[in-house]
Amino acid sequence: MPNPITANRRHYEDLALGEVIELAPTTVTKQMIFDFAREFDPLPFHLDEAAANASLLRGLASSGWQTLGLTLARLSAGFLNSIASEGGLGFTDLKWKRPNMVDDTISGTATISALRRSKSRPASGIITLDLDVRNQRCESIMTMQLANLITVRHPERMPMHELPYDSPSGHEGAQP
């Protein structure tokens, strides 16, 4: 029986390899950096401008975790909330390539780099997204891969033997 909550959302069958999702821009203000750092990452170069100027960052920068959180919020608003997502499976290859400085405007893309059926959950698929977040100068500041479980609308129409699925060895992490 189809899930009434996700009935009008895109399902596994509706997605395509190479599809690019644009992430809406957001400007990171001094106040945003201070608020996040006070609660989650209270390092001096996130809380004190003099310390930030004397640090390796050479200025007030947001926490990498704040950059990640802002990115996931944009990904949710622009994509994850429009698909029949069953939840995240984790991320790999997170790289903070340069600091996200005060008043930087970040945006980016998420590209569908893999789609496969879950062998242990035949009614689900696994989508892998390659994220690339950039500042207003088009410099890459963060990259990562994100895996998400997504409902297959008609699993009975997609025999498992005809599709790629997760590794039977279990060596690719704790993916269903």
C-alpha atoms as a PDB file:
ATOM      1  CA  MET A   1       0.000   0.000   0.000  1.00  0.00           C
ATOM      2  CA  PRO A   2       1.489   3.366  -0.998  1.00  0.00           C
ATOM      3  CA  ASN A   3       2.414   5.790   1.755  1.00  0.00           C
ATOM      4  CA  PRO A   4      -0.081   8.700   1.642  1.00  0.00           C
ATOM      5  CA  ILE A   5       2.553  11.088   3.015  1.00  0.00           C
ATOM      6  CA  THR A   6       4.953  10.496   0.123  1.00  0.00           C
ATOM      7  CA  ALA A   7       2.435   9.652  -2.623  1.00  0.00           C
ATOM      8  CA  ASN A   8       2.938  12.983  -4.420  1.00  0.00           C
ATOM      9  CA  ARG A   9       6.715  13.028  -4.030  1.00  0.00           C
ATOM     10  CA  ARG A  10       9.343  11.795  -6.454  1.00  0.00           C
ATOM     11  CA  HIS A  11      10.343   8.176  -5.934  1.00  0.00           C
ATOM     12  CA  TYR A  12      13.367   6.097  -6.904  1.00  0.00           C
ATOM     13  CA  GLU A  13      11.986   5.543 -10.417  1.00  0.00           C
ATOM     14  CA  ASP A  14      11.710   9.302 -10.976  1.00  0.00           C
ATOM     15  CA  LEU A  15      15.393  10.077 -10.383  1.00  0.00           C
ATOM     16  CA  ALA A  16      18.198  10.002 -12.932  1.00  0.00           C
ATOM     17  CA  LEU A  17      21.959   9.642 -12.749  1.00  0.00           C
ATOM     18  CA  GLY A  18      23.614  12.988 -13.387  1.00  0.00           C
ATOM     19  CA  GLU A  19      20.609  15.034 -12.272  1.00  0.00           C
ATOM     20  CA  VAL A  20      21.839  18.288 -10.727  1.00  0.00           C
ATOM     21  CA  ILE A  21      20.064  19.989  -7.852  1.00  0.00           C
ATOM     22  CA  GLU A  22      20.873  23.658  -7.306  1.00  0.00           C
ATOM     23  CA  LEU A  23      21.279  24.712  -3.683  1.00  0.00           C
ATOM     24  CA  ALA A  24      19.880  28.141  -2.865  1.00  0.00           C
ATOM     25  CA  PRO A  25      22.400  30.770  -1.772  1.00  0.00           C
ATOM     26  CA  THR A  26      22.743  32.000   1.781  1.00  0.00           C
ATOM     27  CA  THR A  27      24.945  34.720   3.231  1.00  0.00           C
ATOM     28  CA  VAL A  28      26.756  33.878   6.444  1.00  0.00           C
ATOM     29  CA  THR A  29      26.669  36.845   8.809  1.00  0.00           C
ATOM     30  CA  LYS A  30      28.845  37.621  11.810  1.00  0.00           C
ATOM     31  CA  GLN A  31      25.843  37.069  14.084  1.00  0.00           C
ATOM     32  CA  MET A  32      25.125  33.649  12.542  1.00  0.00           C
ATOM     33  CA  ILE A  33      28.748  32.623  13.115  1.00  0.00           C
ATOM     34  CA  PHE A  34      28.723  33.825  16.758  1.00  0.00           C
ATOM     35  CA  ASP A  35      25.359  32.175  17.521  1.00  0.00           C
ATOM     36  CA  PHE A  36      26.366  28.808  16.084  1.00  0.00           C
ATOM     37  CA  ALA A  37      29.826  28.857  17.644  1.00  0.00           C
ATOM     38  CA  ARG A  38      28.538  29.731  21.116  1.00  0.00           C
ATOM     39  CA  GLU A  39      26.269  26.709  21.088  1.00  0.00           C
ATOM     40  CA  PHE A  40      28.140  24.104  19.037  1.00  0.00           C
ATOM     41  CA  ASP A  41      31.772  24.995  18.246  1.00  0.00           C
ATOM     42  CA  PRO A  42      33.181  27.510  20.764  1.00  0.00           C
ATOM     43  CA  LEU A  43      36.660  27.878  19.325  1.00  0.00           C
ATOM     44  CA  PRO A  44      38.290  31.322  19.537  1.00  0.00           C
ATOM     45  CA  PHE A  45      38.476  31.843  15.754  1.00  0.00           C
ATOM     46  CA  HIS A  46      34.663  31.472  15.605  1.00  0.00           C
ATOM     47  CA  LEU A  47      33.947  33.707  18.606  1.00  0.00           C
ATOM     48  CA  ASP A  48      36.598  36.434  18.746  1.00  0.00           C
ATOM     49  CA  GLU A  49      37.569  38.623  15.801  1.00  0.00           C
ATOM     50  CA  ALA A  50      41.062  39.378  17.128  1.00  0.00           C
ATOM     51  CA  ALA A  51      41.750  35.674  17.665  1.00  0.00           C
ATOM     52  CA  ALA A  52      40.295  34.912  14.234  1.00  0.00           C
ATOM     53  CA  ASN A  53      42.551  37.514  12.559  1.00  0.00           C
ATOM     54  CA  ALA A  54      45.606  36.015  14.291  1.00  0.00           C
ATOM     55  CA  SER A  55      44.640  32.436  13.370  1.00  0.00           C
ATOM     56  CA  LEU A  56      45.417  30.328  10.331  1.00  0.00           C
ATOM     57  CA  LEU A  57      42.029  31.457   8.963  1.00  0.00           C
ATOM     58  CA  ARG A  58      43.037  35.165   9.001  1.00  0.00           C
ATOM     59  CA  GLY A  59      39.537  36.310   9.808  1.00  0.00           C
ATOM     60  CA  LEU A  60      36.214  35.345  11.317  1.00  0.00           C
ATOM     61  CA  ALA A  61      35.030  32.061   9.802  1.00  0.00           C
ATOM     62  CA  SER A  62      32.053  29.849  10.384  1.00  0.00           C
ATOM     63  CA  SER A  63      32.458  26.373  11.779  1.00  0.00           C
ATOM     64  CA  GLY A  64      32.714  23.690   9.128  1.00  0.00           C
ATOM     65  CA  TRP A  65      29.773  22.040  10.884  1.00  0.00           C
ATOM     66  CA  GLN A  66      27.774  25.224  10.380  1.00  0.00           C
ATOM     67  CA  THR A  67      28.597  25.153   6.673  1.00  0.00           C
ATOM     68  CA  LEU A  68      27.471  21.525   6.570  1.00  0.00           C
ATOM     69  CA  GLY A  69      24.245  22.343   8.436  1.00  0.00           C
ATOM     70  CA  LEU A  70      23.432  25.256   6.135  1.00  0.00           C
ATOM     71  CA  THR A  71      24.093  23.029   3.124  1.00  0.00           C
ATOM     72  CA  LEU A  72      21.816  20.267   4.392  1.00  0.00           C
ATOM     73  CA  ALA A  73      19.069  22.802   5.102  1.00  0.00           C
ATOM     74  CA  ARG A  74      19.243  23.989   1.477  1.00  0.00           C
ATOM     75  CA  LEU A  75      19.379  20.408   0.197  1.00  0.00           C
ATOM     76  CA  SER A  76      16.303  19.523   2.259  1.00  0.00           C
ATOM     77  CA  ALA A  77      14.357  22.565   1.075  1.00  0.00           C
ATOM     78  CA  GLY A  78      15.343  22.144  -2.567  1.00  0.00           C
ATOM     79  CA  PHE A  79      15.303  18.368  -2.951  1.00  0.00           C
ATOM     80  CA  LEU A  80      15.004  15.990   0.016  1.00  0.00           C
ATOM     81  CA  ASN A  81      11.570  17.315   1.014  1.00  0.00           C
ATOM     82  CA  SER A  82      10.314  16.640  -2.526  1.00  0.00           C
ATOM     83  CA  ILE A  83      11.338  12.974  -2.692  1.00  0.00           C
ATOM     84  CA  ALA A  84      10.047   9.885  -0.885  1.00  0.00           C
ATOM     85  CA  SER A  85      13.042   9.911   1.434  1.00  0.00           C
ATOM     86  CA  GLU A  86      13.199   7.281   4.144  1.00  0.00           C
ATOM     87  CA  GLY A  87      16.167   8.931   5.842  1.00  0.00           C
ATOM     88  CA  GLY A  88      19.864   9.480   5.555  1.00  0.00           C
ATOM     89  CA  LEU A  89      22.404   6.676   5.535  1.00  0.00           C
ATOM     90  CA  GLY A  90      25.435   8.829   6.207  1.00  0.00           C
ATOM     91  CA  PHE A  91      28.108  10.741   4.387  1.00  0.00           C
ATOM     92  CA  THR A  92      31.634  10.140   3.163  1.00  0.00           C
ATOM     93  CA  ASP A  93      34.525  12.157   1.839  1.00  0.00           C
ATOM     94  CA  LEU A  94      33.637  15.358   3.699  1.00  0.00           C
ATOM     95  CA  LYS A  95      36.268  17.961   2.857  1.00  0.00           C
ATOM     96  CA  TRP A  96      36.383  21.540   4.056  1.00  0.00           C
ATOM     97  CA  LYS A  97      38.536  23.041   1.318  1.00  0.00           C
ATOM     98  CA  ARG A  98      38.667  26.640   2.480  1.00  0.00           C
ATOM     99  CA  PRO A  99      37.067  28.651   5.255  1.00  0.00           C
ATOM    100  CA  ASN A 100      33.574  30.050   4.989  1.00  0.00           C
ATOM    101  CA  MET A 101      34.275  33.641   6.021  1.00  0.00           C
ATOM    102  CA  VAL A 102      31.956  36.237   7.498  1.00  0.00           C
ATOM    103  CA  ASP A 103      29.693  37.748   4.803  1.00  0.00           C
ATOM    104  CA  ASP A 104      30.490  34.986   2.300  1.00  0.00           C
ATOM    105  CA  THR A 105      27.511  33.869   0.242  1.00  0.00           C
ATOM    106  CA  ILE A 106      27.508  30.132  -0.258  1.00  0.00           C
ATOM    107  CA  SER A 107      25.570  28.067  -2.769  1.00  0.00           C
ATOM    108  CA  GLY A 108      26.224  24.869  -4.585  1.00  0.00           C
ATOM    109  CA  THR A 109      25.021  21.767  -6.317  1.00  0.00           C
ATOM    110  CA  ALA A 110      24.118  18.210  -5.458  1.00  0.00           C
ATOM    111  CA  THR A 111      24.540  15.742  -8.309  1.00  0.00           C
ATOM    112  CA  ILE A 112      23.003  12.274  -8.314  1.00  0.00           C
ATOM    113  CA  SER A 113      26.108  10.114  -8.755  1.00  0.00           C
ATOM    114  CA  ALA A 114      24.636   6.680  -7.980  1.00  0.00           C
ATOM    115  CA  LEU A 115      21.260   4.969  -7.827  1.00  0.00           C
ATOM    116  CA  ARG A 116      20.916   1.384  -6.710  1.00  0.00           C
ATOM    117  CA  ARG A 117      18.347  -0.890  -5.143  1.00  0.00           C
ATOM    118  CA  SER A 118      18.788  -2.089  -1.610  1.00  0.00           C
ATOM    119  CA  LYS A 119      19.152  -5.856  -1.500  1.00  0.00           C
ATOM    120  CA  SER A 120      18.062  -6.046   2.130  1.00  0.00           C
ATOM    121  CA  ARG A 121      15.108  -3.660   1.605  1.00  0.00           C
ATOM    122  CA  PRO A 122      13.660  -4.482  -1.835  1.00  0.00           C
ATOM    123  CA  ALA A 123      11.067  -1.684  -1.601  1.00  0.00           C
ATOM    124  CA  SER A 124      13.846   0.884  -1.211  1.00  0.00           C
ATOM    125  CA  GLY A 125      16.591   2.355  -3.290  1.00  0.00           C
ATOM    126  CA  ILE A 126      19.771   4.149  -2.325  1.00  0.00           C
ATOM    127  CA  ILE A 127      20.661   7.484  -3.860  1.00  0.00           C
ATOM    128  CA  THR A 128      24.167   8.935  -3.622  1.00  0.00           C
ATOM    129  CA  LEU A 129      24.603  12.688  -3.990  1.00  0.00           C
ATOM    130  CA  ASP A 130      27.895  14.481  -4.660  1.00  0.00           C
ATOM    131  CA  LEU A 131      27.734  17.896  -3.022  1.00  0.00           C
ATOM    132  CA  ASP A 132      29.898  20.846  -4.025  1.00  0.00           C
ATOM    133  CA  VAL A 133      29.489  24.051  -2.014  1.00  0.00           C
ATOM    134  CA  ARG A 134      31.075  27.272  -3.269  1.00  0.00           C
ATOM    135  CA  ASN A 135      31.426  30.861  -2.128  1.00  0.00           C
ATOM    136  CA  GLN A 136      30.541  33.975  -4.120  1.00  0.00           C
ATOM    137  CA  ARG A 137      33.961  33.826  -5.833  1.00  0.00           C
ATOM    138  CA  CYS A 138      33.077  30.344  -7.123  1.00  0.00           C
ATOM    139  CA  GLU A 139      35.772  28.791  -4.908  1.00  0.00           C
ATOM    140  CA  SER A 140      34.938  25.333  -3.631  1.00  0.00           C
ATOM    141  CA  ILE A 141      34.677  25.455   0.165  1.00  0.00           C
ATOM    142  CA  MET A 142      33.155  22.045   0.946  1.00  0.00           C
ATOM    143  CA  THR A 143      32.544  18.741  -0.820  1.00  0.00           C
ATOM    144  CA  MET A 144      31.051  15.466   0.344  1.00  0.00           C
ATOM    145  CA  GLN A 145      29.019  12.438  -0.687  1.00  0.00           C
ATOM    146  CA  LEU A 146      25.670  11.823   0.957  1.00  0.00           C
ATOM    147  CA  ALA A 147      23.632   8.590   0.822  1.00  0.00           C
ATOM    148  CA  ASN A 148      19.873   8.508   1.337  1.00  0.00           C
ATOM    149  CA  LEU A 149      17.295   5.734   1.370  1.00  0.00           C
ATOM    150  CA  ILE A 150      14.332   6.359  -0.940  1.00  0.00           C
ATOM    151  CA  THR A 151      11.085   4.499  -1.541  1.00  0.00           C
ATOM    152  CA  VAL A 152      10.616   2.539  -4.760  1.00  0.00           C
ATOM    153  CA  ARG A 153       7.085   3.272  -5.991  1.00  0.00           C
ATOM    154  CA  HIS A 154       6.587  -0.084  -7.735  1.00  0.00           C
ATOM    155  CA  PRO A 155       9.188  -2.584  -6.493  1.00  0.00           C
ATOM    156  CA  GLU A 156       7.300  -5.437  -8.136  1.00  0.00           C
ATOM    157  CA  ARG A 157       7.934  -3.881 -11.556  1.00  0.00           C
ATOM    158  CA  MET A 158      11.705  -3.709 -11.000  1.00  0.00           C
ATOM    159  CA  PRO A 159      13.183  -7.186 -10.542  1.00  0.00           C
ATOM    160  CA  MET A 160      16.299  -7.150  -8.383  1.00  0.00           C
ATOM    161  CA  HIS A 161      18.378  -9.210 -10.819  1.00  0.00           C
ATOM    162  CA  GLU A 162      18.081  -6.495 -13.465  1.00  0.00           C
ATOM    163  CA  LEU A 163      19.406  -3.664 -11.317  1.00  0.00           C
ATOM    164  CA  PRO A 164      22.573  -2.831  -9.432  1.00  0.00           C
ATOM    165  CA  TYR A 165      22.205  -3.279  -5.693  1.00  0.00           C
ATOM    166  CA  ASP A 166      24.303  -2.967  -2.604  1.00  0.00           C
ATOM    167  CA  SER A 167      27.251  -5.258  -2.094  1.00  0.00           C
ATOM    168  CA  PRO A 168      26.459  -8.628  -0.505  1.00  0.00           C
ATOM    169  CA  SER A 169      29.782  -8.472   1.335  1.00  0.00           C
ATOM    170  CA  GLY A 170      28.635  -5.663   3.606  1.00  0.00           C
ATOM    171  CA  HIS A 171      31.993  -3.921   3.246  1.00  0.00           C
ATOM    172  CA  GLU A 172      30.466  -0.689   1.970  1.00  0.00           C
ATOM    173  CA  GLY A 173      29.326   0.411   5.414  1.00  0.00           C
ATOM    174  CA  ALA A 174      26.099  -0.175   7.246  1.00  0.00           C
ATOM    175  CA  GLN A 175      23.874   0.489   4.275  1.00  0.00           C
ATOM    176  CA  PRO A 176      20.600  -1.455   4.000  1.00  0.00           C
END
